[in-house]
């Protein structure tokens, strides 16, 4: 390439880079100029949806613009998360990440249509919720110890719900089984809300999930909490012992949530969201 031509290409490249930087800065100054969409990759009414909507209200108050939540569930959260990864990286599409979509899915699913840590920039972790063991009201067991004894005595008779294959709720169920020797049948549903409804209807016997999904039904007496999968008792359930107190110290699990945006979103926009 002739020297003059090479210099012209270099100048064009530099000018293009400066224009991109200027455009990104302008976009950040003007951001957000319209409503922001946040994809929640699980059904309405479940823990992710509840916490996501609360966060959307908080974010809207901070940035001064409406934040609309969009439920795109399916495949343990993979469908909605993949859709967010393909969105235009301008800060107007966020993904509500969960333990399942950010960590568990890539470990247990053969083909995941996204790579969270390559496709997204993490804005931040926003909440962590310890799990509890809850049973339907008609189940005879009055304690986790009694429940484990029942499950050992009748292998495969009792059922435990999960929010879908590969979700943290399934991992919590499998952990409970592994650490206690309880022979339970894990029944997957398409999210935390369908799993809770199945428990309320008597379709399944128990679930290990966070308080977000179960609080109202525990308060009404439709469900009973037998143990907390945390290092200490919960303030909202002071009379419910931890698994460790019952001689099952290995049963510790929780759900946590975070916010991500397509990885090529301008750094200044990411900073605004943080």
C-alpha atoms as a PDB file:
ATOM      1  CA  UNK A   1       0.000   0.000   0.000  1.00  0.00           C
ATOM      2  CA  UNK A   2       1.378   3.456  -0.910  1.00  0.00           C
ATOM      3  CA  UNK A   3       2.410   5.657   2.085  1.00  0.00           C
ATOM      4  CA  UNK A   4      -0.155   8.321   1.247  1.00  0.00           C
ATOM      5  CA  UNK A   5      -2.937   5.763   1.048  1.00  0.00           C
ATOM      6  CA  UNK A   6      -1.855   4.180   4.302  1.00  0.00           C
ATOM      7  CA  UNK A   7      -1.939   7.536   6.074  1.00  0.00           C
ATOM      8  CA  UNK A   8      -5.408   8.246   4.679  1.00  0.00           C
ATOM      9  CA  UNK A   9      -6.705   4.909   6.014  1.00  0.00           C
ATOM     10  CA  UNK A  10      -5.151   5.637   9.407  1.00  0.00           C
ATOM     11  CA  UNK A  11      -6.795   9.056   9.530  1.00  0.00           C
ATOM     12  CA  UNK A  12     -10.161   7.556   8.600  1.00  0.00           C
ATOM     13  CA  UNK A  13      -9.806   4.901  11.301  1.00  0.00           C
ATOM     14  CA  UNK A  14      -8.874   7.516  13.915  1.00  0.00           C
ATOM     15  CA  UNK A  15     -11.776   9.744  12.909  1.00  0.00           C
ATOM     16  CA  UNK A  16     -14.186   6.804  13.053  1.00  0.00           C
ATOM     17  CA  UNK A  17     -12.942   5.899  16.510  1.00  0.00           C
ATOM     18  CA  UNK A  18     -13.362   9.467  17.740  1.00  0.00           C
ATOM     19  CA  UNK A  19     -16.865   9.610  16.311  1.00  0.00           C
ATOM     20  CA  UNK A  20     -17.788   6.381  18.100  1.00  0.00           C
ATOM     21  CA  UNK A  21     -16.427   7.745  21.379  1.00  0.00           C
ATOM     22  CA  UNK A  22     -18.302  10.996  20.907  1.00  0.00           C
ATOM     23  CA  UNK A  23     -21.505   9.147  20.029  1.00  0.00           C
ATOM     24  CA  UNK A  24     -21.186   6.933  23.113  1.00  0.00           C
ATOM     25  CA  UNK A  25     -20.627   9.969  25.328  1.00  0.00           C
ATOM     26  CA  UNK A  26     -23.613  11.755  23.823  1.00  0.00           C
ATOM     27  CA  UNK A  27     -25.761   8.625  24.248  1.00  0.00           C
ATOM     28  CA  UNK A  28     -24.741   8.370  27.891  1.00  0.00           C
ATOM     29  CA  UNK A  29     -25.540  12.045  28.552  1.00  0.00           C
ATOM     30  CA  UNK A  30     -28.976  11.589  27.032  1.00  0.00           C
ATOM     31  CA  UNK A  31     -29.585   8.186  28.637  1.00  0.00           C
ATOM     32  CA  UNK A  32     -32.246   7.106  29.306  1.00  0.00           C
ATOM     33  CA  UNK A  33     -34.357   9.031  26.804  1.00  0.00           C
ATOM     34  CA  UNK A  34     -37.079   6.392  26.594  1.00  0.00           C
ATOM     35  CA  UNK A  35     -38.441   3.476  28.681  1.00  0.00           C
ATOM     36  CA  UNK A  36     -36.023   0.654  29.512  1.00  0.00           C
ATOM     37  CA  UNK A  37     -37.047  -2.965  28.992  1.00  0.00           C
ATOM     38  CA  UNK A  38     -35.908  -5.582  31.493  1.00  0.00           C
ATOM     39  CA  UNK A  39     -36.319  -9.212  30.463  1.00  0.00           C
ATOM     40  CA  UNK A  40     -37.213 -11.547  33.332  1.00  0.00           C
ATOM     41  CA  UNK A  41     -36.642 -15.072  31.956  1.00  0.00           C
ATOM     42  CA  UNK A  42     -39.138 -16.773  34.256  1.00  0.00           C
ATOM     43  CA  UNK A  43     -42.975 -16.764  34.569  1.00  0.00           C
ATOM     44  CA  UNK A  44     -44.972 -14.025  36.252  1.00  0.00           C
ATOM     45  CA  UNK A  45     -45.623 -14.539  39.949  1.00  0.00           C
ATOM     46  CA  UNK A  46     -42.435 -16.474  40.732  1.00  0.00           C
ATOM     47  CA  UNK A  47     -39.470 -15.288  42.833  1.00  0.00           C
ATOM     48  CA  UNK A  48     -37.530 -13.837  39.880  1.00  0.00           C
ATOM     49  CA  UNK A  49     -40.597 -11.929  38.704  1.00  0.00           C
ATOM     50  CA  UNK A  50     -41.411 -10.563  42.153  1.00  0.00           C
ATOM     51  CA  UNK A  51     -37.867  -9.395  42.894  1.00  0.00           C
ATOM     52  CA  UNK A  52     -37.435  -8.174  39.314  1.00  0.00           C
ATOM     53  CA  UNK A  53     -40.492  -5.946  39.490  1.00  0.00           C
ATOM     54  CA  UNK A  54     -39.368  -4.485  42.813  1.00  0.00           C
ATOM     55  CA  UNK A  55     -35.968  -3.731  41.335  1.00  0.00           C
ATOM     56  CA  UNK A  56     -37.587  -2.200  38.219  1.00  0.00           C
ATOM     57  CA  UNK A  57     -39.467   0.249  40.450  1.00  0.00           C
ATOM     58  CA  UNK A  58     -36.258   1.191  42.251  1.00  0.00           C
ATOM     59  CA  UNK A  59     -34.281   1.627  39.020  1.00  0.00           C
ATOM     60  CA  UNK A  60     -37.058   3.739  37.487  1.00  0.00           C
ATOM     61  CA  UNK A  61     -36.910   6.102  40.458  1.00  0.00           C
ATOM     62  CA  UNK A  62     -33.117   6.392  40.153  1.00  0.00           C
ATOM     63  CA  UNK A  63     -32.870   7.004  36.390  1.00  0.00           C
ATOM     64  CA  UNK A  64     -36.119   8.940  36.026  1.00  0.00           C
ATOM     65  CA  UNK A  65     -37.552   6.740  33.322  1.00  0.00           C
ATOM     66  CA  UNK A  66     -40.059   3.861  33.176  1.00  0.00           C
ATOM     67  CA  UNK A  67     -38.593   0.351  33.444  1.00  0.00           C
ATOM     68  CA  UNK A  68     -40.885  -2.248  31.854  1.00  0.00           C
ATOM     69  CA  UNK A  69     -40.536  -5.908  32.848  1.00  0.00           C
ATOM     70  CA  UNK A  70     -41.056  -8.517  30.158  1.00  0.00           C
ATOM     71  CA  UNK A  71     -41.501 -12.178  31.109  1.00  0.00           C
ATOM     72  CA  UNK A  72     -39.914 -14.476  28.513  1.00  0.00           C
ATOM     73  CA  UNK A  73     -39.777 -17.837  30.226  1.00  0.00           C
ATOM     74  CA  UNK A  74     -38.798 -21.290  29.047  1.00  0.00           C
ATOM     75  CA  UNK A  75     -35.857 -23.727  29.159  1.00  0.00           C
ATOM     76  CA  UNK A  76     -34.934 -22.842  32.754  1.00  0.00           C
ATOM     77  CA  UNK A  77     -34.549 -19.172  31.853  1.00  0.00           C
ATOM     78  CA  UNK A  78     -32.378 -19.766  28.776  1.00  0.00           C
ATOM     79  CA  UNK A  79     -34.872 -18.449  26.199  1.00  0.00           C
ATOM     80  CA  UNK A  80     -35.300 -14.998  27.731  1.00  0.00           C
ATOM     81  CA  UNK A  81     -31.617 -14.682  28.587  1.00  0.00           C
ATOM     82  CA  UNK A  82     -30.595 -15.534  25.023  1.00  0.00           C
ATOM     83  CA  UNK A  83     -33.059 -12.944  23.688  1.00  0.00           C
ATOM     84  CA  UNK A  84     -31.467 -10.294  25.907  1.00  0.00           C
ATOM     85  CA  UNK A  85     -27.989 -11.272  24.700  1.00  0.00           C
ATOM     86  CA  UNK A  86     -29.063 -10.596  21.093  1.00  0.00           C
ATOM     87  CA  UNK A  87     -30.628  -7.212  21.895  1.00  0.00           C
ATOM     88  CA  UNK A  88     -29.183  -3.934  20.662  1.00  0.00           C
ATOM     89  CA  UNK A  89     -26.431  -2.914  23.131  1.00  0.00           C
ATOM     90  CA  UNK A  90     -27.755   0.551  23.864  1.00  0.00           C
ATOM     91  CA  UNK A  91     -28.823   0.201  27.494  1.00  0.00           C
ATOM     92  CA  UNK A  92     -32.518  -0.105  26.710  1.00  0.00           C
ATOM     93  CA  UNK A  93     -32.644  -3.879  27.174  1.00  0.00           C
ATOM     94  CA  UNK A  94     -31.505  -5.412  30.447  1.00  0.00           C
ATOM     95  CA  UNK A  95     -31.642  -8.990  31.645  1.00  0.00           C
ATOM     96  CA  UNK A  96     -32.667 -10.019  35.140  1.00  0.00           C
ATOM     97  CA  UNK A  97     -30.094 -12.725  35.858  1.00  0.00           C
ATOM     98  CA  UNK A  98     -30.584 -15.519  38.365  1.00  0.00           C
ATOM     99  CA  UNK A  99     -28.433 -18.187  39.953  1.00  0.00           C
ATOM    100  CA  UNK A 100     -29.823 -20.580  37.362  1.00  0.00           C
ATOM    101  CA  UNK A 101     -29.226 -18.496  34.247  1.00  0.00           C
ATOM    102  CA  UNK A 102     -25.869 -17.079  35.317  1.00  0.00           C
ATOM    103  CA  UNK A 103     -24.216 -20.177  36.790  1.00  0.00           C
ATOM    104  CA  UNK A 104     -26.237 -23.409  36.917  1.00  0.00           C
ATOM    105  CA  UNK A 105     -27.537 -23.704  33.335  1.00  0.00           C
ATOM    106  CA  UNK A 106     -24.089 -23.775  31.693  1.00  0.00           C
ATOM    107  CA  UNK A 107     -23.028 -26.516  34.102  1.00  0.00           C
ATOM    108  CA  UNK A 108     -25.969 -28.881  33.673  1.00  0.00           C
ATOM    109  CA  UNK A 109     -27.354 -28.191  30.187  1.00  0.00           C
ATOM    110  CA  UNK A 110     -25.668 -29.536  27.050  1.00  0.00           C
ATOM    111  CA  UNK A 111     -26.484 -26.569  24.845  1.00  0.00           C
ATOM    112  CA  UNK A 112     -27.045 -23.131  26.327  1.00  0.00           C
ATOM    113  CA  UNK A 113     -27.772 -20.439  23.692  1.00  0.00           C
ATOM    114  CA  UNK A 114     -25.670 -17.802  25.469  1.00  0.00           C
ATOM    115  CA  UNK A 115     -22.513 -17.380  27.533  1.00  0.00           C
ATOM    116  CA  UNK A 116     -23.478 -15.071  30.361  1.00  0.00           C
ATOM    117  CA  UNK A 117     -19.955 -13.951  31.174  1.00  0.00           C
ATOM    118  CA  UNK A 118     -19.104 -13.213  27.531  1.00  0.00           C
ATOM    119  CA  UNK A 119     -22.450 -11.954  26.229  1.00  0.00           C
ATOM    120  CA  UNK A 120     -23.284  -9.641  29.130  1.00  0.00           C
ATOM    121  CA  UNK A 121     -21.714  -6.938  31.234  1.00  0.00           C
ATOM    122  CA  UNK A 122     -22.741  -7.461  34.849  1.00  0.00           C
ATOM    123  CA  UNK A 123     -24.263  -4.301  36.304  1.00  0.00           C
ATOM    124  CA  UNK A 124     -24.388  -5.778  39.778  1.00  0.00           C
ATOM    125  CA  UNK A 125     -25.851  -8.339  42.164  1.00  0.00           C
ATOM    126  CA  UNK A 126     -28.989  -7.007  43.816  1.00  0.00           C
ATOM    127  CA  UNK A 127     -30.342  -9.598  46.275  1.00  0.00           C
ATOM    128  CA  UNK A 128     -29.727 -12.927  47.972  1.00  0.00           C
ATOM    129  CA  UNK A 129     -32.510 -15.052  49.478  1.00  0.00           C
ATOM    130  CA  UNK A 130     -31.875 -18.168  51.614  1.00  0.00           C
ATOM    131  CA  UNK A 131     -34.003 -21.224  50.888  1.00  0.00           C
ATOM    132  CA  UNK A 132     -36.493 -22.897  53.181  1.00  0.00           C
ATOM    133  CA  UNK A 133     -38.078 -26.337  53.167  1.00  0.00           C
ATOM    134  CA  UNK A 134     -41.859 -25.979  52.951  1.00  0.00           C
ATOM    135  CA  UNK A 135     -44.497 -28.725  52.836  1.00  0.00           C
ATOM    136  CA  UNK A 136     -48.177 -28.817  51.962  1.00  0.00           C
ATOM    137  CA  UNK A 137     -50.477 -28.446  54.929  1.00  0.00           C
ATOM    138  CA  UNK A 138     -51.844 -32.001  54.755  1.00  0.00           C
ATOM    139  CA  UNK A 139     -48.452 -33.729  54.993  1.00  0.00           C
ATOM    140  CA  UNK A 140     -48.114 -35.482  58.391  1.00  0.00           C
ATOM    141  CA  UNK A 141     -44.477 -34.478  59.034  1.00  0.00           C
ATOM    142  CA  UNK A 142     -44.161 -31.767  61.674  1.00  0.00           C
ATOM    143  CA  UNK A 143     -40.370 -31.377  61.383  1.00  0.00           C
ATOM    144  CA  UNK A 144     -37.632 -31.853  58.798  1.00  0.00           C
ATOM    145  CA  UNK A 145     -36.268 -34.768  60.816  1.00  0.00           C
ATOM    146  CA  UNK A 146     -39.644 -36.505  60.733  1.00  0.00           C
ATOM    147  CA  UNK A 147     -39.983 -35.797  57.007  1.00  0.00           C
ATOM    148  CA  UNK A 148     -36.593 -37.351  56.237  1.00  0.00           C
ATOM    149  CA  UNK A 149     -37.540 -40.436  58.261  1.00  0.00           C
ATOM    150  CA  UNK A 150     -40.788 -40.767  56.290  1.00  0.00           C
ATOM    151  CA  UNK A 151     -38.945 -40.455  52.967  1.00  0.00           C
ATOM    152  CA  UNK A 152     -36.373 -43.066  53.961  1.00  0.00           C
ATOM    153  CA  UNK A 153     -39.059 -45.472  55.103  1.00  0.00           C
ATOM    154  CA  UNK A 154     -41.030 -45.134  51.845  1.00  0.00           C
ATOM    155  CA  UNK A 155     -38.525 -44.592  48.997  1.00  0.00           C
ATOM    156  CA  UNK A 156     -39.954 -42.677  46.054  1.00  0.00           C
ATOM    157  CA  UNK A 157     -43.348 -42.146  47.668  1.00  0.00           C
ATOM    158  CA  UNK A 158     -42.984 -38.443  48.399  1.00  0.00           C
ATOM    159  CA  UNK A 159     -42.444 -35.704  45.821  1.00  0.00           C
ATOM    160  CA  UNK A 160     -40.519 -32.446  45.823  1.00  0.00           C
ATOM    161  CA  UNK A 161     -41.126 -29.674  43.281  1.00  0.00           C
ATOM    162  CA  UNK A 162     -38.503 -27.852  41.272  1.00  0.00           C
ATOM    163  CA  UNK A 163     -38.771 -24.732  39.119  1.00  0.00           C
ATOM    164  CA  UNK A 164     -37.422 -26.650  36.117  1.00  0.00           C
ATOM    165  CA  UNK A 165     -34.476 -28.798  35.135  1.00  0.00           C
ATOM    166  CA  UNK A 166     -31.224 -27.038  35.918  1.00  0.00           C
ATOM    167  CA  UNK A 167     -32.736 -24.313  38.098  1.00  0.00           C
ATOM    168  CA  UNK A 168     -31.375 -23.489  41.512  1.00  0.00           C
ATOM    169  CA  UNK A 169     -34.614 -24.851  43.014  1.00  0.00           C
ATOM    170  CA  UNK A 170     -33.836 -28.247  41.492  1.00  0.00           C
ATOM    171  CA  UNK A 171     -30.254 -28.016  42.785  1.00  0.00           C
ATOM    172  CA  UNK A 172     -31.633 -27.244  46.241  1.00  0.00           C
ATOM    173  CA  UNK A 173     -33.933 -30.281  46.066  1.00  0.00           C
ATOM    174  CA  UNK A 174     -31.064 -32.526  44.972  1.00  0.00           C
ATOM    175  CA  UNK A 175     -28.842 -31.140  47.742  1.00  0.00           C
ATOM    176  CA  UNK A 176     -31.544 -31.886  50.307  1.00  0.00           C
ATOM    177  CA  UNK A 177     -31.821 -35.445  49.020  1.00  0.00           C
ATOM    178  CA  UNK A 178     -28.057 -35.960  48.928  1.00  0.00           C
ATOM    179  CA  UNK A 179     -27.313 -34.594  52.374  1.00  0.00           C
ATOM    180  CA  UNK A 180     -30.179 -36.342  54.174  1.00  0.00           C
ATOM    181  CA  UNK A 181     -30.602 -39.613  52.285  1.00  0.00           C
ATOM    182  CA  UNK A 182     -34.267 -38.802  51.676  1.00  0.00           C
ATOM    183  CA  UNK A 183     -35.495 -40.776  48.648  1.00  0.00           C
ATOM    184  CA  UNK A 184     -37.734 -38.197  46.951  1.00  0.00           C
ATOM    185  CA  UNK A 185     -39.100 -37.872  43.413  1.00  0.00           C
ATOM    186  CA  UNK A 186     -38.173 -34.465  41.953  1.00  0.00           C
ATOM    187  CA  UNK A 187     -40.982 -33.065  39.776  1.00  0.00           C
ATOM    188  CA  UNK A 188     -39.967 -30.177  37.467  1.00  0.00           C
ATOM    189  CA  UNK A 189     -42.296 -27.289  36.624  1.00  0.00           C
ATOM    190  CA  UNK A 190     -41.901 -24.263  34.342  1.00  0.00           C
ATOM    191  CA  UNK A 191     -40.927 -21.809  37.043  1.00  0.00           C
ATOM    192  CA  UNK A 192     -41.283 -21.089  40.744  1.00  0.00           C
ATOM    193  CA  UNK A 193     -44.905 -19.960  40.577  1.00  0.00           C
ATOM    194  CA  UNK A 194     -46.204 -23.137  38.822  1.00  0.00           C
ATOM    195  CA  UNK A 195     -44.196 -25.194  41.328  1.00  0.00           C
ATOM    196  CA  UNK A 196     -45.785 -23.353  44.251  1.00  0.00           C
ATOM    197  CA  UNK A 197     -49.276 -23.775  42.780  1.00  0.00           C
ATOM    198  CA  UNK A 198     -48.637 -27.514  42.409  1.00  0.00           C
ATOM    199  CA  UNK A 199     -47.632 -27.656  46.064  1.00  0.00           C
ATOM    200  CA  UNK A 200     -50.764 -25.785  47.134  1.00  0.00           C
ATOM    201  CA  UNK A 201     -52.996 -28.122  45.113  1.00  0.00           C
ATOM    202  CA  UNK A 202     -51.405 -31.219  46.630  1.00  0.00           C
ATOM    203  CA  UNK A 203     -49.858 -32.327  43.342  1.00  0.00           C
ATOM    204  CA  UNK A 204     -46.470 -32.438  45.113  1.00  0.00           C
ATOM    205  CA  UNK A 205     -45.549 -32.714  48.772  1.00  0.00           C
ATOM    206  CA  UNK A 206     -42.775 -30.179  49.360  1.00  0.00           C
ATOM    207  CA  UNK A 207     -40.364 -27.653  47.906  1.00  0.00           C
ATOM    208  CA  UNK A 208     -37.064 -25.994  48.791  1.00  0.00           C
ATOM    209  CA  UNK A 209     -37.286 -22.390  47.617  1.00  0.00           C
ATOM    210  CA  UNK A 210     -36.808 -18.862  48.885  1.00  0.00           C
ATOM    211  CA  UNK A 211     -39.240 -16.949  51.057  1.00  0.00           C
ATOM    212  CA  UNK A 212     -40.199 -14.621  48.208  1.00  0.00           C
ATOM    213  CA  UNK A 213     -42.202 -17.409  46.590  1.00  0.00           C
ATOM    214  CA  UNK A 214     -43.689 -18.844  49.769  1.00  0.00           C
ATOM    215  CA  UNK A 215     -44.196 -16.073  52.321  1.00  0.00           C
ATOM    216  CA  UNK A 216     -47.918 -15.369  51.799  1.00  0.00           C
ATOM    217  CA  UNK A 217     -48.892 -19.044  51.820  1.00  0.00           C
ATOM    218  CA  UNK A 218     -46.842 -19.690  54.929  1.00  0.00           C
ATOM    219  CA  UNK A 219     -48.575 -16.791  56.650  1.00  0.00           C
ATOM    220  CA  UNK A 220     -52.025 -18.122  55.675  1.00  0.00           C
ATOM    221  CA  UNK A 221     -51.228 -21.634  56.875  1.00  0.00           C
ATOM    222  CA  UNK A 222     -51.574 -23.209  53.435  1.00  0.00           C
ATOM    223  CA  UNK A 223     -47.932 -24.266  53.654  1.00  0.00           C
ATOM    224  CA  UNK A 224     -45.652 -25.051  56.591  1.00  0.00           C
ATOM    225  CA  UNK A 225     -41.950 -24.224  56.895  1.00  0.00           C
ATOM    226  CA  UNK A 226     -39.876 -27.010  58.446  1.00  0.00           C
ATOM    227  CA  UNK A 227     -36.282 -25.813  58.097  1.00  0.00           C
ATOM    228  CA  UNK A 228     -34.080 -22.989  56.814  1.00  0.00           C
ATOM    229  CA  UNK A 229     -31.156 -23.736  54.470  1.00  0.00           C
ATOM    230  CA  UNK A 230     -29.013 -20.966  55.928  1.00  0.00           C
ATOM    231  CA  UNK A 231     -26.334 -20.485  58.566  1.00  0.00           C
ATOM    232  CA  UNK A 232     -28.799 -18.780  60.907  1.00  0.00           C
ATOM    233  CA  UNK A 233     -32.543 -18.475  61.428  1.00  0.00           C
ATOM    234  CA  UNK A 234     -34.457 -15.896  59.434  1.00  0.00           C
ATOM    235  CA  UNK A 235     -35.922 -12.828  61.133  1.00  0.00           C
ATOM    236  CA  UNK A 236     -39.244 -13.420  59.385  1.00  0.00           C
ATOM    237  CA  UNK A 237     -39.348 -17.060  60.552  1.00  0.00           C
ATOM    238  CA  UNK A 238     -37.747 -16.967  64.019  1.00  0.00           C
ATOM    239  CA  UNK A 239     -39.323 -20.245  65.132  1.00  0.00           C
ATOM    240  CA  UNK A 240     -38.124 -22.290  62.147  1.00  0.00           C
ATOM    241  CA  UNK A 241     -34.777 -24.042  62.829  1.00  0.00           C
ATOM    242  CA  UNK A 242     -31.875 -24.229  60.400  1.00  0.00           C
ATOM    243  CA  UNK A 243     -30.939 -27.574  58.880  1.00  0.00           C
ATOM    244  CA  UNK A 244     -27.688 -27.364  60.848  1.00  0.00           C
ATOM    245  CA  UNK A 245     -29.619 -27.211  64.123  1.00  0.00           C
ATOM    246  CA  UNK A 246     -31.339 -30.443  63.085  1.00  0.00           C
ATOM    247  CA  UNK A 247     -28.065 -32.250  62.390  1.00  0.00           C
ATOM    248  CA  UNK A 248     -28.027 -31.594  58.618  1.00  0.00           C
ATOM    249  CA  UNK A 249     -25.290 -28.925  58.255  1.00  0.00           C
ATOM    250  CA  UNK A 250     -24.685 -29.603  54.558  1.00  0.00           C
ATOM    251  CA  UNK A 251     -28.076 -28.271  53.488  1.00  0.00           C
ATOM    252  CA  UNK A 252     -27.267 -24.636  52.744  1.00  0.00           C
ATOM    253  CA  UNK A 253     -28.639 -23.002  49.608  1.00  0.00           C
ATOM    254  CA  UNK A 254     -30.035 -19.713  48.364  1.00  0.00           C
ATOM    255  CA  UNK A 255     -31.139 -17.831  45.288  1.00  0.00           C
ATOM    256  CA  UNK A 256     -29.398 -14.639  44.202  1.00  0.00           C
ATOM    257  CA  UNK A 257     -30.177 -12.219  41.417  1.00  0.00           C
ATOM    258  CA  UNK A 258     -28.236  -9.761  39.297  1.00  0.00           C
ATOM    259  CA  UNK A 259     -28.651  -7.333  36.399  1.00  0.00           C
ATOM    260  CA  UNK A 260     -26.814  -7.550  33.097  1.00  0.00           C
ATOM    261  CA  UNK A 261     -26.777  -5.673  29.813  1.00  0.00           C
ATOM    262  CA  UNK A 262     -25.440  -6.760  26.396  1.00  0.00           C
ATOM    263  CA  UNK A 263     -21.654  -6.696  26.649  1.00  0.00           C
ATOM    264  CA  UNK A 264     -21.115  -4.031  23.964  1.00  0.00           C
ATOM    265  CA  UNK A 265     -23.293  -1.501  25.780  1.00  0.00           C
ATOM    266  CA  UNK A 266     -21.244   1.729  26.147  1.00  0.00           C
ATOM    267  CA  UNK A 267     -19.259   1.895  29.381  1.00  0.00           C
ATOM    268  CA  UNK A 268     -20.794   5.250  30.269  1.00  0.00           C
ATOM    269  CA  UNK A 269     -24.298   3.772  30.021  1.00  0.00           C
ATOM    270  CA  UNK A 270     -23.238   0.820  32.172  1.00  0.00           C
ATOM    271  CA  UNK A 271     -21.884   3.269  34.744  1.00  0.00           C
ATOM    272  CA  UNK A 272     -25.201   5.138  34.744  1.00  0.00           C
ATOM    273  CA  UNK A 273     -27.049   1.912  35.483  1.00  0.00           C
ATOM    274  CA  UNK A 274     -24.685   1.036  38.310  1.00  0.00           C
END
